[in-house]
Protein backbone atom coordinates (compact mmCIF):
# COMPACT_ATOMS: atom_id res chain seq x y z
CA MET A 1 196.19 -5.13 -46.38
CA LYS A 2 194.90 -8.43 -45.14
CA ILE A 3 191.70 -9.69 -46.75
CA ALA A 4 189.66 -12.56 -45.22
CA VAL A 5 186.95 -14.65 -46.82
CA PRO A 6 184.79 -16.70 -44.51
CA ALA A 7 182.48 -19.53 -45.52
CA GLU A 8 178.76 -18.86 -45.94
CA THR A 9 176.88 -21.12 -43.54
CA LYS A 10 173.41 -20.85 -45.13
CA GLU A 11 174.13 -20.93 -48.85
CA PRO A 12 176.55 -22.26 -51.47
CA ARG A 13 178.03 -18.99 -52.77
CA VAL A 14 181.36 -17.61 -51.67
CA ALA A 15 182.68 -14.07 -51.77
CA ALA A 16 186.00 -14.72 -53.58
CA SER A 17 187.10 -16.72 -56.60
CA PRO A 18 190.66 -17.84 -57.45
CA GLN A 19 190.60 -15.09 -60.13
CA SER A 20 189.66 -12.31 -57.67
CA VAL A 21 192.24 -13.62 -55.18
CA GLN A 22 194.92 -13.33 -57.81
CA LYS A 23 193.75 -9.76 -58.60
CA PHE A 24 193.87 -8.78 -54.91
CA ILE A 25 197.47 -10.15 -54.64
CA ASP A 26 198.43 -8.23 -57.73
CA LEU A 27 197.18 -5.12 -55.92
CA GLY A 28 199.54 -5.86 -53.08
CA ALA A 29 197.04 -7.33 -50.62
CA SER A 30 197.16 -10.75 -48.94
CA VAL A 31 194.16 -13.08 -48.93
CA THR A 32 193.15 -15.75 -46.49
CA VAL A 33 190.19 -18.04 -47.08
CA LEU A 34 188.48 -20.30 -44.52
CA LYS A 35 188.96 -23.98 -45.20
CA GLY A 36 186.17 -25.36 -47.38
CA ALA A 37 184.64 -21.96 -48.08
CA GLY A 38 184.39 -22.49 -51.81
CA VAL A 39 183.50 -26.15 -51.95
CA LYS A 40 179.78 -25.66 -52.67
CA SER A 41 180.70 -23.33 -55.57
CA GLY A 42 183.08 -25.94 -57.05
CA ILE A 43 186.23 -24.13 -55.74
CA THR A 44 188.73 -26.25 -53.83
CA ASP A 45 191.10 -25.04 -51.19
CA GLN A 46 193.96 -26.02 -53.50
CA ALA A 47 192.54 -23.72 -56.21
CA TYR A 48 192.72 -20.86 -53.73
CA ARG A 49 196.27 -21.82 -52.73
CA ASP A 50 197.30 -21.94 -56.40
CA ALA A 51 195.98 -18.36 -56.76
CA GLY A 52 198.17 -17.29 -53.83
CA ALA A 53 195.72 -17.42 -50.91
CA GLU A 54 196.41 -18.80 -47.46
CA ILE A 55 193.92 -21.34 -45.96
CA ALA A 56 192.75 -20.82 -42.38
CA ASP A 57 191.42 -23.65 -40.20
CA THR A 58 189.38 -21.58 -37.79
CA LEU A 59 187.19 -18.51 -37.83
CA GLU A 60 189.36 -16.88 -35.16
CA SER A 61 192.59 -17.29 -37.06
CA LEU A 62 190.90 -16.07 -40.22
CA LEU A 63 189.27 -12.90 -38.86
CA GLY A 64 191.40 -11.89 -35.91
CA ASP A 65 193.80 -9.63 -37.83
CA ALA A 66 191.87 -9.06 -41.07
CA ASP A 67 191.64 -5.51 -42.36
CA VAL A 68 188.88 -6.36 -44.91
CA VAL A 69 186.29 -9.14 -44.69
CA LEU A 70 184.41 -10.25 -47.81
CA LYS A 71 181.07 -12.05 -47.51
CA VAL A 72 178.02 -12.79 -49.58
CA ASN A 73 175.64 -12.17 -46.69
CA ARG A 74 176.01 -10.00 -43.59
CA PRO A 75 178.24 -11.35 -40.84
CA GLU A 76 176.79 -13.65 -38.20
CA ALA A 77 177.27 -13.06 -34.47
CA ALA A 78 180.31 -15.33 -34.22
CA GLU A 79 181.99 -13.58 -37.14
CA ILE A 80 181.34 -10.13 -35.70
CA LYS A 81 182.83 -11.21 -32.43
CA ALA A 82 185.97 -12.54 -34.13
CA MET A 83 186.71 -9.37 -36.13
CA LYS A 84 189.02 -6.61 -34.93
CA LYS A 85 187.76 -3.10 -34.36
CA GLY A 86 188.04 -1.02 -37.52
CA ALA A 87 187.80 -3.94 -39.93
CA ALA A 88 185.94 -3.18 -43.21
CA VAL A 89 183.18 -5.60 -44.18
CA MET A 90 181.63 -5.80 -47.61
CA ALA A 91 178.48 -7.94 -48.15
CA VAL A 92 174.80 -7.92 -49.00
CA MET A 93 173.59 -6.67 -45.60
CA ASN A 94 169.78 -6.35 -45.94
CA PRO A 95 169.92 -3.84 -43.07
CA LEU A 96 166.26 -2.91 -43.24
CA ASP A 97 165.37 -6.47 -42.36
CA ALA A 98 167.76 -6.73 -39.40
CA PRO A 99 168.45 -3.37 -37.74
CA GLY A 100 169.65 -5.17 -34.67
CA ALA A 101 172.42 -6.79 -36.66
CA VAL A 102 173.52 -3.42 -37.97
CA GLU A 103 173.64 -2.09 -34.39
CA GLU A 104 175.86 -5.02 -33.34
CA MET A 105 178.27 -4.29 -36.20
CA ALA A 106 178.36 -0.61 -35.22
CA LYS A 107 179.03 -1.48 -31.55
CA ALA A 108 181.90 -3.75 -32.66
CA GLY A 109 183.51 -0.82 -34.36
CA LEU A 110 183.27 -2.31 -37.85
CA THR A 111 183.17 -0.26 -41.02
CA THR A 112 180.52 -1.94 -43.07
CA PHE A 113 179.20 -1.57 -46.61
CA ALA A 114 175.90 -2.84 -48.00
CA MET A 115 176.73 -3.87 -51.53
CA GLU A 116 173.04 -4.02 -52.51
CA PHE A 117 172.86 -0.20 -51.96
CA MET A 118 175.38 0.44 -54.72
CA PRO A 119 174.14 3.53 -56.64
CA ARG A 120 173.03 2.98 -60.20
CA ILE A 121 175.66 5.13 -61.88
CA THR A 122 177.89 4.21 -64.82
CA ARG A 123 181.01 4.06 -62.72
CA ALA A 124 179.45 1.56 -60.34
CA GLN A 125 178.07 -0.89 -62.84
CA SER A 126 180.95 -3.31 -62.39
CA MET A 127 180.36 -3.21 -58.62
CA ASP A 128 176.59 -3.84 -58.73
CA VAL A 129 175.86 -7.18 -57.03
CA LEU A 130 172.14 -6.83 -57.45
CA SER A 131 172.51 -6.77 -61.19
CA SER A 132 175.05 -9.58 -61.46
CA GLN A 133 173.01 -11.86 -59.26
CA SER A 134 169.64 -10.89 -60.68
CA ASN A 135 170.98 -11.60 -64.15
CA LEU A 136 171.66 -15.21 -63.15
CA ALA A 137 168.36 -15.47 -61.26
CA GLY A 138 166.46 -14.54 -64.44
CA TYR A 139 168.28 -17.22 -66.38
CA ALA A 140 167.81 -19.84 -63.69
CA ALA A 141 164.05 -19.03 -63.50
CA VAL A 142 163.56 -20.03 -67.10
CA ILE A 143 165.58 -23.18 -66.70
CA ASP A 144 163.59 -24.09 -63.58
CA ALA A 145 160.37 -23.40 -65.42
CA ALA A 146 161.44 -25.52 -68.37
CA GLY A 147 162.30 -28.35 -66.04
CA GLU A 148 158.88 -28.31 -64.42
CA TYR A 149 156.87 -27.74 -67.59
CA GLY A 150 155.81 -30.95 -69.22
CA HIS A 151 156.24 -29.68 -72.77
CA ALA A 152 158.90 -28.35 -75.07
CA LEU A 153 159.38 -24.59 -75.20
CA PRO A 154 160.08 -24.02 -78.93
CA MET A 155 157.77 -24.84 -81.80
CA MET A 156 158.84 -28.13 -83.36
CA MET A 157 157.62 -29.37 -86.72
CA THR A 158 158.10 -33.12 -87.07
CA ALA A 159 156.78 -35.96 -89.22
CA ALA A 160 154.73 -37.01 -86.24
CA GLY A 161 153.07 -33.62 -85.81
CA THR A 162 153.72 -30.05 -84.72
CA VAL A 163 154.52 -29.02 -81.18
CA ALA A 164 153.23 -25.54 -80.35
CA PRO A 165 155.59 -23.04 -78.74
CA ALA A 166 155.21 -22.29 -75.06
CA ARG A 167 153.81 -18.91 -74.05
CA VAL A 168 155.94 -17.19 -71.39
CA PHE A 169 154.86 -14.09 -69.47
CA VAL A 170 157.51 -12.19 -67.45
CA MET A 171 156.25 -9.83 -64.84
CA GLY A 172 158.89 -7.20 -64.06
CA ALA A 173 161.46 -6.09 -66.62
CA GLY A 174 164.40 -5.23 -64.42
CA VAL A 175 167.70 -7.13 -64.74
CA ALA A 176 166.22 -10.49 -63.76
CA GLY A 177 163.20 -10.01 -66.00
CA LEU A 178 165.16 -8.99 -69.02
CA GLN A 179 167.44 -12.01 -68.70
CA ALA A 180 164.42 -14.24 -68.31
CA ILE A 181 162.96 -12.79 -71.51
CA ALA A 182 166.21 -13.24 -73.36
CA THR A 183 166.59 -16.84 -72.15
CA ALA A 184 163.02 -17.79 -72.94
CA LYS A 185 163.33 -16.30 -76.40
CA ARG A 186 166.54 -18.24 -76.99
CA LEU A 187 164.65 -21.42 -76.10
CA GLY A 188 162.01 -20.60 -78.67
CA ALA A 189 159.05 -19.48 -76.53
CA ILE A 190 156.56 -16.74 -77.40
CA VAL A 191 157.34 -14.07 -74.73
CA THR A 192 155.33 -11.20 -73.33
CA ALA A 193 156.29 -8.95 -70.41
CA THR A 194 155.01 -6.15 -68.22
CA ASP A 195 156.47 -3.58 -65.83
CA VAL A 196 155.32 -0.49 -63.99
CA ARG A 197 158.05 1.53 -65.72
CA ARG A 198 157.06 2.67 -69.19
CA ALA A 199 160.75 3.02 -70.00
CA ALA A 200 161.01 -0.77 -69.85
CA GLU A 201 158.93 -1.18 -73.03
CA GLU A 202 161.77 -0.38 -75.35
CA GLN A 203 164.08 -2.83 -73.64
CA VAL A 204 161.50 -5.63 -73.68
CA LYS A 205 160.78 -5.12 -77.38
CA SER A 206 164.46 -4.99 -78.19
CA LEU A 207 164.67 -8.61 -76.95
CA GLY A 208 161.86 -9.71 -79.25
CA ALA A 209 159.08 -9.81 -76.63
CA SER A 210 155.75 -8.03 -76.61
CA PHE A 211 155.01 -5.47 -73.83
CA ILE A 212 151.69 -5.04 -72.05
CA MET A 213 150.84 -2.26 -69.61
CA VAL A 214 147.80 -0.12 -68.79
CA GLU A 215 147.90 3.52 -69.94
CA SER A 216 148.92 5.85 -67.06
CA ASP A 217 150.59 9.12 -66.30
CA GLU A 218 152.18 7.67 -63.14
CA GLU A 219 155.90 7.32 -62.96
CA GLY A 220 156.83 3.84 -61.83
CA GLU A 221 160.53 4.45 -61.28
CA THR A 222 162.45 6.03 -58.45
CA ALA A 223 165.36 8.45 -58.97
CA GLY A 224 167.63 5.51 -58.29
CA GLY A 225 166.12 3.42 -61.10
CA TYR A 226 164.13 1.05 -58.96
CA ALA A 227 160.47 0.22 -59.33
CA LYS A 228 158.23 1.99 -56.79
CA GLU A 229 154.80 1.43 -55.23
CA MET A 230 152.01 2.48 -57.60
CA SER A 231 148.56 3.91 -56.81
CA GLU A 232 145.65 1.69 -55.96
CA ASP A 233 143.90 2.69 -59.18
CA PHE A 234 146.91 1.68 -61.27
CA LYS A 235 147.28 -1.61 -59.41
CA LYS A 236 143.57 -2.42 -59.91
CA ARG A 237 143.65 -1.70 -63.67
CA GLN A 238 146.96 -3.46 -64.16
CA ALA A 239 145.65 -6.52 -62.26
CA GLU A 240 142.60 -6.67 -64.53
CA LEU A 241 144.81 -6.57 -67.64
CA VAL A 242 147.18 -9.17 -66.24
CA ALA A 243 144.37 -11.51 -65.13
CA GLY A 244 143.09 -11.88 -68.69
CA HIS A 245 146.57 -12.39 -70.03
CA ILE A 246 147.76 -14.94 -67.47
CA ALA A 247 144.91 -17.28 -68.29
CA LYS A 248 146.44 -17.86 -71.70
CA GLN A 249 150.02 -18.46 -70.55
CA ASP A 250 151.99 -21.64 -70.03
CA ILE A 251 154.75 -20.17 -67.90
CA VAL A 252 154.70 -17.02 -65.73
CA ILE A 253 157.85 -15.63 -64.15
CA THR A 254 157.48 -12.93 -61.49
CA THR A 255 160.40 -10.65 -60.55
CA ALA A 256 158.78 -7.63 -58.84
CA LEU A 257 160.54 -6.35 -55.76
CA ILE A 258 160.38 -2.95 -53.99
CA PRO A 259 163.53 -2.41 -51.92
CA GLY A 260 162.91 -2.63 -48.21
CA ARG A 261 159.30 -3.81 -48.51
CA PRO A 262 157.39 -7.09 -48.86
CA ALA A 263 157.04 -8.27 -52.42
CA PRO A 264 153.88 -6.91 -54.07
CA LYS A 265 151.17 -9.50 -54.71
CA LEU A 266 150.73 -9.71 -58.44
CA ILE A 267 149.12 -13.12 -58.91
CA SER A 268 145.97 -13.91 -56.96
CA LYS A 269 144.46 -17.37 -56.22
CA ALA A 270 141.87 -16.67 -58.91
CA MET A 271 144.59 -15.93 -61.44
CA VAL A 272 146.36 -19.20 -60.62
CA GLU A 273 143.09 -21.14 -61.01
CA SER A 274 142.51 -19.51 -64.42
CA MET A 275 145.67 -21.18 -65.74
CA LYS A 276 145.74 -24.56 -67.46
CA PRO A 277 146.82 -27.62 -65.45
CA GLY A 278 150.48 -28.19 -66.08
CA SER A 279 151.28 -24.42 -66.31
CA VAL A 280 154.15 -23.15 -64.29
CA ILE A 281 154.68 -20.07 -62.13
CA VAL A 282 158.23 -19.18 -61.04
CA ASP A 283 158.22 -16.65 -58.22
CA LEU A 284 161.63 -14.89 -57.92
CA ALA A 285 160.35 -12.74 -55.05
CA ALA A 286 159.81 -15.69 -52.71
CA GLU A 287 162.32 -14.52 -50.19
CA ARG A 288 160.28 -11.39 -49.56
CA GLY A 289 156.95 -13.22 -49.37
CA GLY A 290 156.43 -13.82 -53.08
CA ASN A 291 154.52 -12.15 -55.90
CA CYS A 292 152.05 -14.98 -56.04
CA GLU A 293 149.42 -15.28 -53.35
CA LEU A 294 149.85 -19.10 -53.26
CA SER A 295 153.64 -19.29 -53.28
CA LYS A 296 155.21 -21.34 -50.50
CA PRO A 297 158.65 -19.78 -50.10
CA GLY A 298 161.45 -22.25 -50.39
CA LYS A 299 159.22 -24.92 -51.98
CA VAL A 300 157.75 -26.15 -55.24
CA SER A 301 154.00 -26.66 -54.78
CA THR A 302 151.01 -27.45 -56.92
CA HIS A 303 147.54 -25.83 -56.82
CA LYS A 304 144.84 -27.39 -59.01
CA GLY A 305 147.44 -28.64 -61.42
CA VAL A 306 149.45 -25.40 -61.65
CA ILE A 307 153.00 -25.76 -60.45
CA ILE A 308 154.37 -22.90 -58.34
CA VAL A 309 158.15 -22.70 -57.99
CA ALA A 310 159.27 -20.49 -55.10
CA HIS A 311 162.93 -21.29 -54.47
CA HIS A 312 165.02 -19.27 -52.02
CA ASN A 313 168.31 -17.81 -53.21
CA VAL A 314 167.90 -18.49 -56.89
CA PRO A 315 171.39 -17.17 -57.78
CA GLY A 316 172.78 -19.82 -55.47
CA ARG A 317 171.28 -22.44 -57.82
CA VAL A 318 174.07 -21.46 -60.23
CA ALA A 319 176.56 -20.98 -57.45
CA ALA A 320 179.79 -21.27 -59.45
CA ASP A 321 178.93 -18.36 -61.75
CA ALA A 322 177.16 -16.43 -59.03
CA SER A 323 180.25 -16.59 -56.82
CA SER A 324 182.53 -15.59 -59.71
CA LEU A 325 180.50 -12.51 -60.61
CA PHE A 326 179.95 -11.52 -56.94
CA ALA A 327 183.66 -11.78 -56.32
CA ASN A 328 184.37 -9.54 -59.30
CA ASN A 329 181.88 -6.97 -57.98
CA LEU A 330 183.68 -6.95 -54.64
CA TYR A 331 187.13 -6.66 -56.25
CA ASN A 332 186.05 -3.74 -58.39
CA PHE A 333 184.59 -1.92 -55.35
CA ILE A 334 187.75 -2.42 -53.26
CA ALA A 335 190.09 -1.57 -56.10
CA ALA A 336 188.31 1.77 -56.36
CA LEU A 337 188.96 2.47 -52.67
CA TYR A 338 192.48 1.10 -52.52
CA ASP A 339 195.66 3.14 -52.25
CA LYS A 340 198.41 0.96 -53.70
CA ASP A 341 201.20 3.20 -52.36
CA ALA A 342 199.88 2.94 -48.81
CA GLY A 343 198.84 -0.63 -49.18
CA ALA A 344 195.51 0.04 -47.53
CA LEU A 345 191.99 1.34 -48.18
CA ALA A 346 191.87 5.10 -48.60
CA ILE A 347 188.16 5.70 -48.31
CA ASN A 348 186.83 8.99 -49.66
CA TRP A 349 183.71 9.49 -47.53
CA ASP A 350 182.32 11.98 -50.01
CA ASP A 351 182.51 9.53 -52.95
CA GLU A 352 179.04 8.54 -54.20
CA ILE A 353 179.82 4.86 -54.18
CA VAL A 354 180.83 5.18 -50.51
CA THR A 355 177.95 7.41 -49.34
CA GLY A 356 175.55 5.07 -51.11
CA THR A 357 176.77 1.83 -49.48
CA ALA A 358 178.42 2.66 -46.10
CA LEU A 359 176.32 1.52 -43.19
CA THR A 360 178.50 1.89 -40.10
CA ARG A 361 181.63 3.86 -39.21
CA ASP A 362 183.39 4.65 -35.91
CA GLY A 363 180.67 3.04 -33.85
CA ASN A 364 177.85 4.84 -35.59
CA ILE A 365 175.12 3.86 -38.10
CA ILE A 366 175.57 6.36 -40.97
CA HIS A 367 173.36 5.30 -43.88
CA PRO A 368 170.35 7.52 -44.37
CA ALA A 369 168.19 4.61 -45.53
CA LEU A 370 168.07 3.21 -42.01
CA ALA A 371 166.49 6.45 -40.81
CA LYS A 372 164.18 6.79 -43.78
CA GLY A 373 163.19 3.15 -43.94
CA GLU A 374 163.74 2.96 -47.67
CA GLN A 375 166.62 2.48 -50.09
CA SER A 376 168.15 5.67 -51.35
């Protein structure tokens, strides 16, 4: 089985590490990486060679005979054109944002898998790219906030006086939010958090943070474990609770995303203006429009003294580790589909990890989410 790893043209991450290359070779596969693909993640071509990979100079020579193509993001038009019919492609596809791109992959006869659709089951945890990348995003959000905030985060008692601890509020207690809580606590901040899922309260408290949420009988979690859209009444009452809390915070980190939809607006202009000058908001939902009404996606901006950080691709800000974890996710997925005796993928189309992630097969779009318009 021939595995190909192109370069990502719009970000620093890469879909293979020297360690994952070595694992693939141990399985019996061969691996070819495009020249310079890992440079922005601190991985040299020589490091890939040392692990046993070949280095290709052109996209055509890389992809022309590849059986499996590994990417961070869905293939671009030139990559689709260069691949052979029947090649399997694993990446974060975001198919609901680009149905035309999915159609092109189907027309090209590619077998594609959207890694972000990995079902949340125990067996698939090691393949879950959303969790691995969100974990790093939560960490990076706190580091970014600390860099922008003009004060120390922990309480410090010195001969010259006492420095009060920073107050950090995390909105959304999924993987990114929980890591943000843990990181802020390690840095000595006083941390509070909220989430639409009542089940998150125990996790938040286990990390030493306080949990705030309005009382409600609504279930804020889908069967797949994702947050879901809440009623207007819940959103109104939650917003009132949050508004009073935000005014007292030094740092607010928002992580709320609903798969396949624009990010919910959690922080209004009035809430921003209630915060003290020098306070910081880090919006991890910037790529889907942002949780803050005043976020400028891809930029760091200031409104009446409040700093609003809305970087794109936050995991890419820690690209070396993000690439390493992403590469491990892909290896674990492929290893689960690989028949070592045959030296090829042996895909069980009834397997839950396959039915959950497969987008296209034999010229057809097969994932139910594209028909439903929501993540399964």
